[in-house]
Protein backbone atom coordinates (compact mmCIF):
# COMPACT_ATOMS: atom_id res chain seq x y z
CA MET A 1 122.24 82.11 136.55
CA ASN A 2 119.68 81.94 139.43
CA ASN A 3 118.18 85.21 138.38
CA GLU A 4 117.68 83.89 134.87
CA LYS A 5 115.76 80.82 136.34
CA VAL A 6 113.50 83.14 138.25
CA SER A 7 112.93 85.36 135.28
CA VAL A 8 111.97 82.30 133.08
CA GLU A 9 109.58 80.99 135.79
CA ASN A 10 107.91 84.46 136.10
CA SER A 11 107.58 84.58 132.35
CA LEU A 12 106.01 81.21 132.13
CA LYS A 13 103.58 82.18 134.88
CA ILE A 14 102.57 85.37 133.13
CA ASN A 15 102.10 83.46 129.83
CA ASP A 16 99.79 80.93 131.63
CA GLU A 17 97.76 83.73 133.07
CA ILE A 18 97.41 85.38 129.70
CA GLN A 19 96.44 82.11 128.04
CA ASN A 20 93.79 81.53 130.76
CA GLN A 21 92.34 84.95 130.04
CA ILE A 22 92.22 84.28 126.30
CA ASP A 23 90.53 80.92 126.96
CA ASP A 24 87.96 82.67 129.17
CA ILE A 25 87.14 85.11 126.40
CA ILE A 26 86.73 82.26 123.84
CA PHE A 27 84.52 80.30 126.23
CA GLU A 28 82.30 83.37 126.72
CA LEU A 29 82.03 83.89 122.93
CA ILE A 30 81.04 80.27 122.42
CA ARG A 31 78.55 80.36 125.20
CA GLU A 32 76.94 83.51 123.91
CA ARG A 33 76.81 82.20 120.27
CA LYS A 34 75.14 79.00 121.42
CA LYS A 35 72.76 80.90 123.77
CA GLN A 36 71.63 82.98 120.81
CA LYS A 37 71.30 79.74 118.74
CA LEU A 38 73.55 81.05 116.02
CA SER A 39 75.57 78.70 113.93
CA GLN A 40 79.21 79.39 113.09
CA THR A 41 78.02 79.98 109.52
CA LYS A 42 75.45 82.58 110.48
CA LEU A 43 77.99 84.37 112.85
CA SER A 44 80.44 84.38 109.89
CA GLN A 45 77.81 85.99 107.63
CA MET A 46 77.14 88.59 110.33
CA THR A 47 80.80 89.54 110.92
CA GLY A 48 82.55 88.79 107.64
CA ILE A 49 84.93 86.61 109.54
CA PRO A 50 85.44 83.27 107.71
CA GLN A 51 83.58 80.29 109.33
CA ALA A 52 86.88 78.36 109.28
CA THR A 53 88.44 81.09 111.44
CA ILE A 54 85.53 80.87 113.89
CA SER A 55 85.90 77.14 113.99
CA ARG A 56 89.64 77.32 114.69
CA LEU A 57 89.06 79.90 117.39
CA GLU A 58 86.26 77.81 119.04
CA SER A 59 88.50 74.67 118.97
CA PHE A 60 91.34 76.78 120.62
CA ALA A 61 93.55 76.02 117.70
CA THR A 62 94.31 79.74 117.26
CA VAL A 63 94.58 82.85 119.32
CA PRO A 64 92.09 85.46 118.20
CA THR A 65 93.23 89.01 117.35
CA LEU A 66 91.63 91.87 119.23
CA HIS A 67 90.02 92.87 115.98
CA ILE A 68 88.28 89.48 115.63
CA VAL A 69 87.21 89.48 119.37
CA ILE A 70 85.68 92.92 118.92
CA LYS A 71 83.81 91.98 115.75
CA LEU A 72 82.46 88.87 117.27
CA SER A 73 81.47 90.44 120.55
CA ASN A 74 79.74 93.29 118.71
CA ALA A 75 77.81 90.89 116.55
CA LEU A 76 76.79 88.96 119.75
CA ASN A 77 75.87 92.22 121.53
CA MET A 78 78.47 91.53 124.21
CA LYS A 79 80.30 94.23 126.10
CA LEU A 80 84.07 93.97 126.33
CA SER A 81 85.78 95.30 129.48
CA LEU A 82 89.08 95.08 131.04
CA GLY A 83 89.13 94.21 134.69
C-alpha cells in the first residue's frame, strides 16, 4: 500500500511538470503571435488551424497536439527544441 502511495505521488508530480512545460509552450506561442502583431484569425489563415482551436489553445482550454505546435511555430518562425 505504501508503494502505491509513492507511485501515485510521483505520477502526479510528473504530470504537473509536463503541464508546466505545455503551459510554457503556449505562453511562448501567444507572446510571439502578439509580438508579430498577428490576430488569431490571421494565424489561422496562415496555418489552416481553425481560429476557434487557436482560441481554445490560448485560453488553456485544450492541450495542443505536437502537429499543431509545429504548424504554429513554423508560421511564427519559431524554433522548437527539446532541452
